mmCIF file of all heavy atoms, coordinates in Angstrom:
data_MODEL
# 
_entry.id   MODEL 
# 
loop_
_atom_site.group_PDB 
_atom_site.id 
_atom_site.type_symbol 
_atom_site.label_atom_id 
_atom_site.label_alt_id 
_atom_site.label_comp_id 
_atom_site.label_asym_id 
_atom_site.label_entity_id 
_atom_site.label_seq_id 
_atom_site.pdbx_PDB_ins_code 
_atom_site.Cartn_x 
_atom_site.Cartn_y 
_atom_site.Cartn_z 
_atom_site.occupancy 
_atom_site.B_iso_or_equiv 
_atom_site.pdbx_formal_charge 
_atom_site.auth_seq_id 
_atom_site.auth_comp_id 
_atom_site.auth_asym_id 
_atom_site.auth_atom_id 
_atom_site.pdbx_PDB_model_num 
ATOM 1   N N   . ASN A 1 1  ? -28.664 -12.874 -17.952 1.00 0.00 ? 1  ASN A N   1 
ATOM 2   C CA  . ASN A 1 1  ? -29.302 -13.661 -16.882 1.00 0.00 ? 1  ASN A CA  1 
ATOM 3   C C   . ASN A 1 1  ? -28.328 -14.265 -15.929 1.00 0.00 ? 1  ASN A C   1 
ATOM 4   O O   . ASN A 1 1  ? -28.727 -15.269 -15.263 1.00 0.00 ? 1  ASN A O   1 
ATOM 5   C CB  . ASN A 1 1  ? -30.155 -14.720 -17.596 1.00 0.00 ? 1  ASN A CB  1 
ATOM 6   C CG  . ASN A 1 1  ? -31.313 -14.230 -18.429 1.00 0.00 ? 1  ASN A CG  1 
ATOM 7   O OD1 . ASN A 1 1  ? -31.925 -13.219 -17.996 1.00 0.00 ? 1  ASN A OD1 1 
ATOM 8   N ND2 . ASN A 1 1  ? -31.606 -14.847 -19.584 1.00 0.00 ? 1  ASN A ND2 1 
ATOM 9   N N   . ARG A 1 2  ? -27.181 -13.691 -15.852 1.00 0.00 ? 2  ARG A N   1 
ATOM 10  C CA  . ARG A 1 2  ? -26.240 -14.231 -14.696 1.00 0.00 ? 2  ARG A CA  1 
ATOM 11  C C   . ARG A 1 2  ? -25.993 -13.082 -13.762 1.00 0.00 ? 2  ARG A C   1 
ATOM 12  O O   . ARG A 1 2  ? -25.507 -11.932 -14.224 1.00 0.00 ? 2  ARG A O   1 
ATOM 13  C CB  . ARG A 1 2  ? -24.988 -14.756 -15.438 1.00 0.00 ? 2  ARG A CB  1 
ATOM 14  C CG  . ARG A 1 2  ? -25.193 -16.064 -16.099 1.00 0.00 ? 2  ARG A CG  1 
ATOM 15  C CD  . ARG A 1 2  ? -23.768 -16.644 -16.577 1.00 0.00 ? 2  ARG A CD  1 
ATOM 16  N NE  . ARG A 1 2  ? -24.030 -17.907 -17.329 1.00 0.00 ? 2  ARG A NE  1 
ATOM 17  C CZ  . ARG A 1 2  ? -24.059 -19.057 -16.710 1.00 0.00 ? 2  ARG A CZ  1 
ATOM 18  N NH1 . ARG A 1 2  ? -23.910 -19.115 -15.365 1.00 0.00 ? 2  ARG A NH1 1 
ATOM 19  N NH2 . ARG A 1 2  ? -24.249 -20.245 -17.337 1.00 0.00 ? 2  ARG A NH2 1 
ATOM 20  N N   . TRP A 1 3  ? -26.036 -13.404 -12.529 1.00 0.00 ? 3  TRP A N   1 
ATOM 21  C CA  . TRP A 1 3  ? -25.744 -12.430 -11.480 1.00 0.00 ? 3  TRP A CA  1 
ATOM 22  C C   . TRP A 1 3  ? -24.163 -12.376 -11.333 1.00 0.00 ? 3  TRP A C   1 
ATOM 23  O O   . TRP A 1 3  ? -23.473 -13.315 -11.581 1.00 0.00 ? 3  TRP A O   1 
ATOM 24  C CB  . TRP A 1 3  ? -26.303 -12.769 -10.138 1.00 0.00 ? 3  TRP A CB  1 
ATOM 25  C CG  . TRP A 1 3  ? -27.814 -12.763 -10.124 1.00 0.00 ? 3  TRP A CG  1 
ATOM 26  C CD1 . TRP A 1 3  ? -28.588 -13.776 -10.442 1.00 0.00 ? 3  TRP A CD1 1 
ATOM 27  C CD2 . TRP A 1 3  ? -28.589 -11.595 -9.945  1.00 0.00 ? 3  TRP A CD2 1 
ATOM 28  N NE1 . TRP A 1 3  ? -29.992 -13.444 -10.402 1.00 0.00 ? 3  TRP A NE1 1 
ATOM 29  C CE2 . TRP A 1 3  ? -30.039 -12.030 -10.106 1.00 0.00 ? 3  TRP A CE2 1 
ATOM 30  C CE3 . TRP A 1 3  ? -28.421 -10.289 -9.708  1.00 0.00 ? 3  TRP A CE3 1 
ATOM 31  C CZ2 . TRP A 1 3  ? -30.957 -11.202 -9.984  1.00 0.00 ? 3  TRP A CZ2 1 
ATOM 32  C CZ3 . TRP A 1 3  ? -29.466 -9.456  -9.519  1.00 0.00 ? 3  TRP A CZ3 1 
ATOM 33  C CH2 . TRP A 1 3  ? -30.754 -9.796  -9.623  1.00 0.00 ? 3  TRP A CH2 1 
ATOM 34  N N   . ARG A 1 4  ? -23.666 -11.147 -11.020 1.00 0.00 ? 4  ARG A N   1 
ATOM 35  C CA  . ARG A 1 4  ? -22.251 -10.976 -10.952 1.00 0.00 ? 4  ARG A CA  1 
ATOM 36  C C   . ARG A 1 4  ? -21.867 -10.290 -9.598  1.00 0.00 ? 4  ARG A C   1 
ATOM 37  O O   . ARG A 1 4  ? -22.379 -9.235  -9.192  1.00 0.00 ? 4  ARG A O   1 
ATOM 38  C CB  . ARG A 1 4  ? -21.829 -9.993  -12.099 1.00 0.00 ? 4  ARG A CB  1 
ATOM 39  C CG  . ARG A 1 4  ? -22.232 -10.538 -13.524 1.00 0.00 ? 4  ARG A CG  1 
ATOM 40  C CD  . ARG A 1 4  ? -22.067 -9.501  -14.550 1.00 0.00 ? 4  ARG A CD  1 
ATOM 41  N NE  . ARG A 1 4  ? -20.729 -9.355  -14.975 1.00 0.00 ? 4  ARG A NE  1 
ATOM 42  C CZ  . ARG A 1 4  ? -19.921 -8.285  -14.928 1.00 0.00 ? 4  ARG A CZ  1 
ATOM 43  N NH1 . ARG A 1 4  ? -20.476 -7.127  -14.440 1.00 0.00 ? 4  ARG A NH1 1 
ATOM 44  N NH2 . ARG A 1 4  ? -18.751 -8.259  -15.358 1.00 0.00 ? 4  ARG A NH2 1 
ATOM 45  N N   . GLN A 1 5  ? -20.932 -10.965 -8.939  1.00 0.00 ? 5  GLN A N   1 
ATOM 46  C CA  . GLN A 1 5  ? -20.294 -10.415 -7.671  1.00 0.00 ? 5  GLN A CA  1 
ATOM 47  C C   . GLN A 1 5  ? -18.838 -10.155 -8.065  1.00 0.00 ? 5  GLN A C   1 
ATOM 48  O O   . GLN A 1 5  ? -18.167 -10.823 -8.753  1.00 0.00 ? 5  GLN A O   1 
ATOM 49  C CB  . GLN A 1 5  ? -20.315 -11.445 -6.535  1.00 0.00 ? 5  GLN A CB  1 
ATOM 50  C CG  . GLN A 1 5  ? -21.781 -11.634 -5.967  1.00 0.00 ? 5  GLN A CG  1 
ATOM 51  C CD  . GLN A 1 5  ? -22.173 -10.535 -4.985  1.00 0.00 ? 5  GLN A CD  1 
ATOM 52  O OE1 . GLN A 1 5  ? -21.390 -10.224 -4.076  1.00 0.00 ? 5  GLN A OE1 1 
ATOM 53  N NE2 . GLN A 1 5  ? -23.358 -9.995  -5.121  1.00 0.00 ? 5  GLN A NE2 1 
ATOM 54  N N   . GLN A 1 6  ? -18.367 -9.015  -7.422  1.00 0.00 ? 6  GLN A N   1 
ATOM 55  C CA  . GLN A 1 6  ? -17.096 -8.595  -7.820  1.00 0.00 ? 6  GLN A CA  1 
ATOM 56  C C   . GLN A 1 6  ? -16.101 -8.550  -6.564  1.00 0.00 ? 6  GLN A C   1 
ATOM 57  O O   . GLN A 1 6  ? -16.547 -8.202  -5.501  1.00 0.00 ? 6  GLN A O   1 
ATOM 58  C CB  . GLN A 1 6  ? -17.113 -7.138  -8.344  1.00 0.00 ? 6  GLN A CB  1 
ATOM 59  C CG  . GLN A 1 6  ? -15.752 -6.484  -8.808  1.00 0.00 ? 6  GLN A CG  1 
ATOM 60  C CD  . GLN A 1 6  ? -15.886 -5.115  -9.367  1.00 0.00 ? 6  GLN A CD  1 
ATOM 61  O OE1 . GLN A 1 6  ? -16.433 -4.234  -8.707  1.00 0.00 ? 6  GLN A OE1 1 
ATOM 62  N NE2 . GLN A 1 6  ? -15.515 -4.959  -10.560 1.00 0.00 ? 6  GLN A NE2 1 
ATOM 63  N N   . ILE A 1 7  ? -14.813 -8.919  -6.760  1.00 0.00 ? 7  ILE A N   1 
ATOM 64  C CA  . ILE A 1 7  ? -13.828 -8.754  -5.732  1.00 0.00 ? 7  ILE A CA  1 
ATOM 65  C C   . ILE A 1 7  ? -12.638 -8.115  -6.417  1.00 0.00 ? 7  ILE A C   1 
ATOM 66  O O   . ILE A 1 7  ? -12.072 -8.563  -7.477  1.00 0.00 ? 7  ILE A O   1 
ATOM 67  C CB  . ILE A 1 7  ? -13.399 -10.025 -5.181  1.00 0.00 ? 7  ILE A CB  1 
ATOM 68  C CG1 . ILE A 1 7  ? -14.504 -10.858 -4.699  1.00 0.00 ? 7  ILE A CG1 1 
ATOM 69  C CG2 . ILE A 1 7  ? -12.316 -9.802  -4.099  1.00 0.00 ? 7  ILE A CG2 1 
ATOM 70  C CD1 . ILE A 1 7  ? -14.207 -12.348 -4.280  1.00 0.00 ? 7  ILE A CD1 1 
ATOM 71  N N   . LEU A 1 8  ? -12.119 -6.965  -5.870  1.00 0.00 ? 8  LEU A N   1 
ATOM 72  C CA  . LEU A 1 8  ? -10.982 -6.268  -6.405  1.00 0.00 ? 8  LEU A CA  1 
ATOM 73  C C   . LEU A 1 8  ? -9.806  -6.554  -5.362  1.00 0.00 ? 8  LEU A C   1 
ATOM 74  O O   . LEU A 1 8  ? -9.974  -6.387  -4.181  1.00 0.00 ? 8  LEU A O   1 
ATOM 75  C CB  . LEU A 1 8  ? -11.164 -4.722  -6.521  1.00 0.00 ? 8  LEU A CB  1 
ATOM 76  C CG  . LEU A 1 8  ? -12.228 -4.302  -7.537  1.00 0.00 ? 8  LEU A CG  1 
ATOM 77  C CD1 . LEU A 1 8  ? -12.383 -2.788  -7.452  1.00 0.00 ? 8  LEU A CD1 1 
ATOM 78  C CD2 . LEU A 1 8  ? -11.783 -4.650  -8.902  1.00 0.00 ? 8  LEU A CD2 1 
ATOM 79  N N   . VAL A 1 9  ? -8.650  -7.004  -5.987  1.00 0.00 ? 9  VAL A N   1 
ATOM 80  C CA  . VAL A 1 9  ? -7.578  -7.270  -5.158  1.00 0.00 ? 9  VAL A CA  1 
ATOM 81  C C   . VAL A 1 9  ? -6.333  -6.480  -5.677  1.00 0.00 ? 9  VAL A C   1 
ATOM 82  O O   . VAL A 1 9  ? -6.123  -6.512  -6.892  1.00 0.00 ? 9  VAL A O   1 
ATOM 83  C CB  . VAL A 1 9  ? -7.188  -8.857  -5.143  1.00 0.00 ? 9  VAL A CB  1 
ATOM 84  C CG1 . VAL A 1 9  ? -6.238  -9.144  -4.135  1.00 0.00 ? 9  VAL A CG1 1 
ATOM 85  C CG2 . VAL A 1 9  ? -8.491  -9.625  -5.055  1.00 0.00 ? 9  VAL A CG2 1 
ATOM 86  N N   . ARG A 1 10 ? -5.571  -5.864  -4.809  1.00 0.00 ? 10 ARG A N   1 
ATOM 87  C CA  . ARG A 1 10 ? -4.449  -5.041  -5.282  1.00 0.00 ? 10 ARG A CA  1 
ATOM 88  C C   . ARG A 1 10 ? -3.348  -5.054  -4.278  1.00 0.00 ? 10 ARG A C   1 
ATOM 89  O O   . ARG A 1 10 ? -3.553  -5.150  -3.081  1.00 0.00 ? 10 ARG A O   1 
ATOM 90  C CB  . ARG A 1 10 ? -4.867  -3.675  -5.704  1.00 0.00 ? 10 ARG A CB  1 
ATOM 91  C CG  . ARG A 1 10 ? -5.597  -2.892  -4.582  1.00 0.00 ? 10 ARG A CG  1 
ATOM 92  C CD  . ARG A 1 10 ? -6.198  -1.617  -5.172  1.00 0.00 ? 10 ARG A CD  1 
ATOM 93  N NE  . ARG A 1 10 ? -6.715  -0.680  -4.211  1.00 0.00 ? 10 ARG A NE  1 
ATOM 94  C CZ  . ARG A 1 10 ? -7.903  -0.775  -3.641  1.00 0.00 ? 10 ARG A CZ  1 
ATOM 95  N NH1 . ARG A 1 10 ? -8.739  -1.769  -4.041  1.00 0.00 ? 10 ARG A NH1 1 
ATOM 96  N NH2 . ARG A 1 10 ? -8.313  0.185   -2.740  1.00 0.00 ? 10 ARG A NH2 1 
ATOM 97  N N   . THR A 1 11 ? -2.108  -4.891  -4.810  1.00 0.00 ? 11 THR A N   1 
ATOM 98  C CA  . THR A 1 11 ? -0.945  -4.817  -3.985  1.00 0.00 ? 11 THR A CA  1 
ATOM 99  C C   . THR A 1 11 ? 0.181   -4.191  -4.784  1.00 0.00 ? 11 THR A C   1 
ATOM 100 O O   . THR A 1 11 ? 0.000   -4.107  -6.136  1.00 0.00 ? 11 THR A O   1 
ATOM 101 C CB  . THR A 1 11 ? -0.545  -6.143  -3.394  1.00 0.00 ? 11 THR A CB  1 
ATOM 102 O OG1 . THR A 1 11 ? 0.434   -5.987  -2.346  1.00 0.00 ? 11 THR A OG1 1 
ATOM 103 C CG2 . THR A 1 11 ? 0.044   -7.103  -4.444  1.00 0.00 ? 11 THR A CG2 1 
ATOM 104 N N   . ALA A 1 12 ? 1.376   -3.968  -4.204  1.00 0.00 ? 12 ALA A N   1 
ATOM 105 C CA  . ALA A 1 12 ? 2.406   -3.357  -5.019  1.00 0.00 ? 12 ALA A CA  1 
ATOM 106 C C   . ALA A 1 12 ? 3.083   -4.271  -5.945  1.00 0.00 ? 12 ALA A C   1 
ATOM 107 O O   . ALA A 1 12 ? 3.602   -3.915  -6.984  1.00 0.00 ? 12 ALA A O   1 
ATOM 108 C CB  . ALA A 1 12 ? 3.504   -2.757  -3.976  1.00 0.00 ? 12 ALA A CB  1 
ATOM 109 N N   . GLY A 1 13 ? 3.092   -5.572  -5.534  1.00 0.00 ? 13 GLY A N   1 
ATOM 110 C CA  . GLY A 1 13 ? 3.818   -6.531  -6.359  1.00 0.00 ? 13 GLY A CA  1 
ATOM 111 C C   . GLY A 1 13 ? 2.927   -7.365  -7.254  1.00 0.00 ? 13 GLY A C   1 
ATOM 112 O O   . GLY A 1 13 ? 2.122   -8.152  -6.688  1.00 0.00 ? 13 GLY A O   1 
ATOM 113 N N   . ARG A 1 14 ? 3.052   -7.342  -8.560  1.00 0.00 ? 14 ARG A N   1 
ATOM 114 C CA  . ARG A 1 14 ? 2.135   -8.119  -9.436  1.00 0.00 ? 14 ARG A CA  1 
ATOM 115 C C   . ARG A 1 14 ? 2.428   -9.611  -9.251  1.00 0.00 ? 14 ARG A C   1 
ATOM 116 O O   . ARG A 1 14 ? 1.434   -10.390 -9.254  1.00 0.00 ? 14 ARG A O   1 
ATOM 117 C CB  . ARG A 1 14 ? 2.399   -7.651  -10.935 1.00 0.00 ? 14 ARG A CB  1 
ATOM 118 C CG  . ARG A 1 14 ? 1.476   -8.423  -11.895 1.00 0.00 ? 14 ARG A CG  1 
ATOM 119 C CD  . ARG A 1 14 ? 1.665   -7.954  -13.218 1.00 0.00 ? 14 ARG A CD  1 
ATOM 120 N NE  . ARG A 1 14 ? 1.062   -6.604  -13.405 1.00 0.00 ? 14 ARG A NE  1 
ATOM 121 C CZ  . ARG A 1 14 ? 1.691   -5.493  -13.411 1.00 0.00 ? 14 ARG A CZ  1 
ATOM 122 N NH1 . ARG A 1 14 ? 3.081   -5.520  -13.281 1.00 0.00 ? 14 ARG A NH1 1 
ATOM 123 N NH2 . ARG A 1 14 ? 1.101   -4.298  -13.588 1.00 0.00 ? 14 ARG A NH2 1 
ATOM 124 N N   . ARG A 1 15 ? 3.640   -10.008 -9.145  1.00 0.00 ? 15 ARG A N   1 
ATOM 125 C CA  . ARG A 1 15 ? 3.919   -11.409 -8.994  1.00 0.00 ? 15 ARG A CA  1 
ATOM 126 C C   . ARG A 1 15 ? 3.210   -11.962 -7.764  1.00 0.00 ? 15 ARG A C   1 
ATOM 127 O O   . ARG A 1 15 ? 2.639   -13.061 -7.725  1.00 0.00 ? 15 ARG A O   1 
ATOM 128 C CB  . ARG A 1 15 ? 5.464   -11.685 -8.957  1.00 0.00 ? 15 ARG A CB  1 
ATOM 129 C CG  . ARG A 1 15 ? 5.788   -13.105 -8.865  1.00 0.00 ? 15 ARG A CG  1 
ATOM 130 C CD  . ARG A 1 15 ? 7.308   -13.333 -8.956  1.00 0.00 ? 15 ARG A CD  1 
ATOM 131 N NE  . ARG A 1 15 ? 7.726   -14.683 -8.815  1.00 0.00 ? 15 ARG A NE  1 
ATOM 132 C CZ  . ARG A 1 15 ? 8.956   -15.174 -8.855  1.00 0.00 ? 15 ARG A CZ  1 
ATOM 133 N NH1 . ARG A 1 15 ? 9.954   -14.339 -9.068  1.00 0.00 ? 15 ARG A NH1 1 
ATOM 134 N NH2 . ARG A 1 15 ? 9.261   -16.498 -8.735  1.00 0.00 ? 15 ARG A NH2 1 
ATOM 135 N N   . ARG A 1 16 ? 3.442   -11.380 -6.556  1.00 0.00 ? 16 ARG A N   1 
ATOM 136 C CA  . ARG A 1 16 ? 2.861   -11.799 -5.343  1.00 0.00 ? 16 ARG A CA  1 
ATOM 137 C C   . ARG A 1 16 ? 1.353   -11.851 -5.456  1.00 0.00 ? 16 ARG A C   1 
ATOM 138 O O   . ARG A 1 16 ? 0.706   -12.759 -5.001  1.00 0.00 ? 16 ARG A O   1 
ATOM 139 C CB  . ARG A 1 16 ? 3.231   -10.842 -4.221  1.00 0.00 ? 16 ARG A CB  1 
ATOM 140 C CG  . ARG A 1 16 ? 2.609   -11.138 -2.927  1.00 0.00 ? 16 ARG A CG  1 
ATOM 141 C CD  . ARG A 1 16 ? 2.878   -10.157 -1.841  1.00 0.00 ? 16 ARG A CD  1 
ATOM 142 N NE  . ARG A 1 16 ? 4.294   -10.199 -1.531  1.00 0.00 ? 16 ARG A NE  1 
ATOM 143 C CZ  . ARG A 1 16 ? 4.970   -9.380  -0.754  1.00 0.00 ? 16 ARG A CZ  1 
ATOM 144 N NH1 . ARG A 1 16 ? 4.247   -8.267  -0.270  1.00 0.00 ? 16 ARG A NH1 1 
ATOM 145 N NH2 . ARG A 1 16 ? 6.208   -9.490  -0.450  1.00 0.00 ? 16 ARG A NH2 1 
ATOM 146 N N   . LEU A 1 17 ? 0.782   -10.823 -6.154  1.00 0.00 ? 17 LEU A N   1 
ATOM 147 C CA  . LEU A 1 17 ? -0.664  -10.746 -6.275  1.00 0.00 ? 17 LEU A CA  1 
ATOM 148 C C   . LEU A 1 17 ? -1.198  -11.954 -7.124  1.00 0.00 ? 17 LEU A C   1 
ATOM 149 O O   . LEU A 1 17 ? -2.201  -12.640 -6.712  1.00 0.00 ? 17 LEU A O   1 
ATOM 150 C CB  . LEU A 1 17 ? -1.095  -9.490  -6.975  1.00 0.00 ? 17 LEU A CB  1 
ATOM 151 C CG  . LEU A 1 17 ? -2.539  -9.260  -7.370  1.00 0.00 ? 17 LEU A CG  1 
ATOM 152 C CD1 . LEU A 1 17 ? -3.418  -9.282  -6.085  1.00 0.00 ? 17 LEU A CD1 1 
ATOM 153 C CD2 . LEU A 1 17 ? -2.670  -7.852  -7.966  1.00 0.00 ? 17 LEU A CD2 1 
ATOM 154 N N   . VAL A 1 18 ? -0.583  -12.201 -8.243  1.00 0.00 ? 18 VAL A N   1 
ATOM 155 C CA  . VAL A 1 18 ? -1.054  -13.360 -9.094  1.00 0.00 ? 18 VAL A CA  1 
ATOM 156 C C   . VAL A 1 18 ? -0.862  -14.650 -8.364  1.00 0.00 ? 18 VAL A C   1 
ATOM 157 O O   . VAL A 1 18 ? -1.715  -15.533 -8.471  1.00 0.00 ? 18 VAL A O   1 
ATOM 158 C CB  . VAL A 1 18 ? -0.178  -13.236 -10.465 1.00 0.00 ? 18 VAL A CB  1 
ATOM 159 C CG1 . VAL A 1 18 ? -0.562  -14.536 -11.300 1.00 0.00 ? 18 VAL A CG1 1 
ATOM 160 C CG2 . VAL A 1 18 ? -0.559  -12.027 -11.251 1.00 0.00 ? 18 VAL A CG2 1 
ATOM 161 N N   . GLU A 1 19 ? 0.231   -14.793 -7.721  1.00 0.00 ? 19 GLU A N   1 
ATOM 162 C CA  . GLU A 1 19 ? 0.459   -16.080 -7.054  1.00 0.00 ? 19 GLU A CA  1 
ATOM 163 C C   . GLU A 1 19 ? -0.575  -16.316 -5.855  1.00 0.00 ? 19 GLU A C   1 
ATOM 164 O O   . GLU A 1 19 ? -1.115  -17.377 -5.722  1.00 0.00 ? 19 GLU A O   1 
ATOM 165 C CB  . GLU A 1 19 ? 1.884   -16.068 -6.402  1.00 0.00 ? 19 GLU A CB  1 
ATOM 166 C CG  . GLU A 1 19 ? 2.942   -16.209 -7.436  1.00 0.00 ? 19 GLU A CG  1 
ATOM 167 C CD  . GLU A 1 19 ? 4.352   -16.123 -6.877  1.00 0.00 ? 19 GLU A CD  1 
ATOM 168 O OE1 . GLU A 1 19 ? 4.419   -15.842 -5.559  1.00 0.00 ? 19 GLU A OE1 1 
ATOM 169 O OE2 . GLU A 1 19 ? 5.331   -16.376 -7.488  1.00 0.00 ? 19 GLU A OE2 1 
ATOM 170 N N   . SER A 1 20 ? -0.944  -15.230 -5.170  1.00 0.00 ? 20 SER A N   1 
ATOM 171 C CA  . SER A 1 20 ? -1.974  -15.340 -4.090  1.00 0.00 ? 20 SER A CA  1 
ATOM 172 C C   . SER A 1 20 ? -3.303  -15.693 -4.643  1.00 0.00 ? 20 SER A C   1 
ATOM 173 O O   . SER A 1 20 ? -4.055  -16.479 -4.107  1.00 0.00 ? 20 SER A O   1 
ATOM 174 C CB  . SER A 1 20 ? -2.031  -13.993 -3.348  1.00 0.00 ? 20 SER A CB  1 
ATOM 175 O OG  . SER A 1 20 ? -0.763  -13.714 -2.648  1.00 0.00 ? 20 SER A OG  1 
ATOM 176 N N   . VAL A 1 21 ? -3.641  -15.035 -5.823  1.00 0.00 ? 21 VAL A N   1 
ATOM 177 C CA  . VAL A 1 21 ? -4.923  -15.414 -6.499  1.00 0.00 ? 21 VAL A CA  1 
ATOM 178 C C   . VAL A 1 21 ? -4.906  -16.760 -6.965  1.00 0.00 ? 21 VAL A C   1 
ATOM 179 O O   . VAL A 1 21 ? -5.954  -17.498 -6.776  1.00 0.00 ? 21 VAL A O   1 
ATOM 180 C CB  . VAL A 1 21 ? -5.176  -14.381 -7.637  1.00 0.00 ? 21 VAL A CB  1 
ATOM 181 C CG1 . VAL A 1 21 ? -6.355  -14.827 -8.506  1.00 0.00 ? 21 VAL A CG1 1 
ATOM 182 C CG2 . VAL A 1 21 ? -5.410  -12.976 -7.132  1.00 0.00 ? 21 VAL A CG2 1 
ATOM 183 N N   . ASP A 1 22 ? -3.807  -17.351 -7.546  1.00 0.00 ? 22 ASP A N   1 
ATOM 184 C CA  . ASP A 1 22 ? -3.784  -18.686 -8.027  1.00 0.00 ? 22 ASP A CA  1 
ATOM 185 C C   . ASP A 1 22 ? -3.933  -19.637 -6.751  1.00 0.00 ? 22 ASP A C   1 
ATOM 186 O O   . ASP A 1 22 ? -4.627  -20.702 -6.976  1.00 0.00 ? 22 ASP A O   1 
ATOM 187 C CB  . ASP A 1 22 ? -2.382  -18.912 -8.625  1.00 0.00 ? 22 ASP A CB  1 
ATOM 188 C CG  . ASP A 1 22 ? -2.311  -18.295 -10.066 1.00 0.00 ? 22 ASP A CG  1 
ATOM 189 O OD1 . ASP A 1 22 ? -3.373  -17.971 -10.633 1.00 0.00 ? 22 ASP A OD1 1 
ATOM 190 O OD2 . ASP A 1 22 ? -1.173  -18.191 -10.540 1.00 0.00 ? 22 ASP A OD2 1 
ATOM 191 N N   . ARG A 1 23 ? -3.350  -19.361 -5.620  1.00 0.00 ? 23 ARG A N   1 
ATOM 192 C CA  . ARG A 1 23 ? -3.486  -20.185 -4.528  1.00 0.00 ? 23 ARG A CA  1 
ATOM 193 C C   . ARG A 1 23 ? -4.884  -20.240 -4.020  1.00 0.00 ? 23 ARG A C   1 
ATOM 194 O O   . ARG A 1 23 ? -5.434  -21.290 -3.617  1.00 0.00 ? 23 ARG A O   1 
ATOM 195 C CB  . ARG A 1 23 ? -2.516  -19.859 -3.395  1.00 0.00 ? 23 ARG A CB  1 
ATOM 196 C CG  . ARG A 1 23 ? -1.065  -20.104 -3.692  1.00 0.00 ? 23 ARG A CG  1 
ATOM 197 C CD  . ARG A 1 23 ? -0.182  -20.107 -2.463  1.00 0.00 ? 23 ARG A CD  1 
ATOM 198 N NE  . ARG A 1 23 ? -0.255  -18.678 -1.891  1.00 0.00 ? 23 ARG A NE  1 
ATOM 199 C CZ  . ARG A 1 23 ? 0.591   -17.705 -2.128  1.00 0.00 ? 23 ARG A CZ  1 
ATOM 200 N NH1 . ARG A 1 23 ? 1.593   -17.928 -3.028  1.00 0.00 ? 23 ARG A NH1 1 
ATOM 201 N NH2 . ARG A 1 23 ? 0.459   -16.481 -1.519  1.00 0.00 ? 23 ARG A NH2 1 
ATOM 202 N N   . ALA A 1 24 ? -5.525  -19.061 -4.020  1.00 0.00 ? 24 ALA A N   1 
ATOM 203 C CA  . ALA A 1 24 ? -6.922  -18.945 -3.581  1.00 0.00 ? 24 ALA A CA  1 
ATOM 204 C C   . ALA A 1 24 ? -7.853  -19.673 -4.464  1.00 0.00 ? 24 ALA A C   1 
ATOM 205 O O   . ALA A 1 24 ? -8.814  -20.448 -4.001  1.00 0.00 ? 24 ALA A O   1 
ATOM 206 C CB  . ALA A 1 24 ? -7.340  -17.542 -3.509  1.00 0.00 ? 24 ALA A CB  1 
# 
């Protein structure tokens, strides 16, 4: 009973990706 919206985020560097997600 919960609706789900998805966002996929990707880039070459895992550290940069995780840091950007944390800031968002």
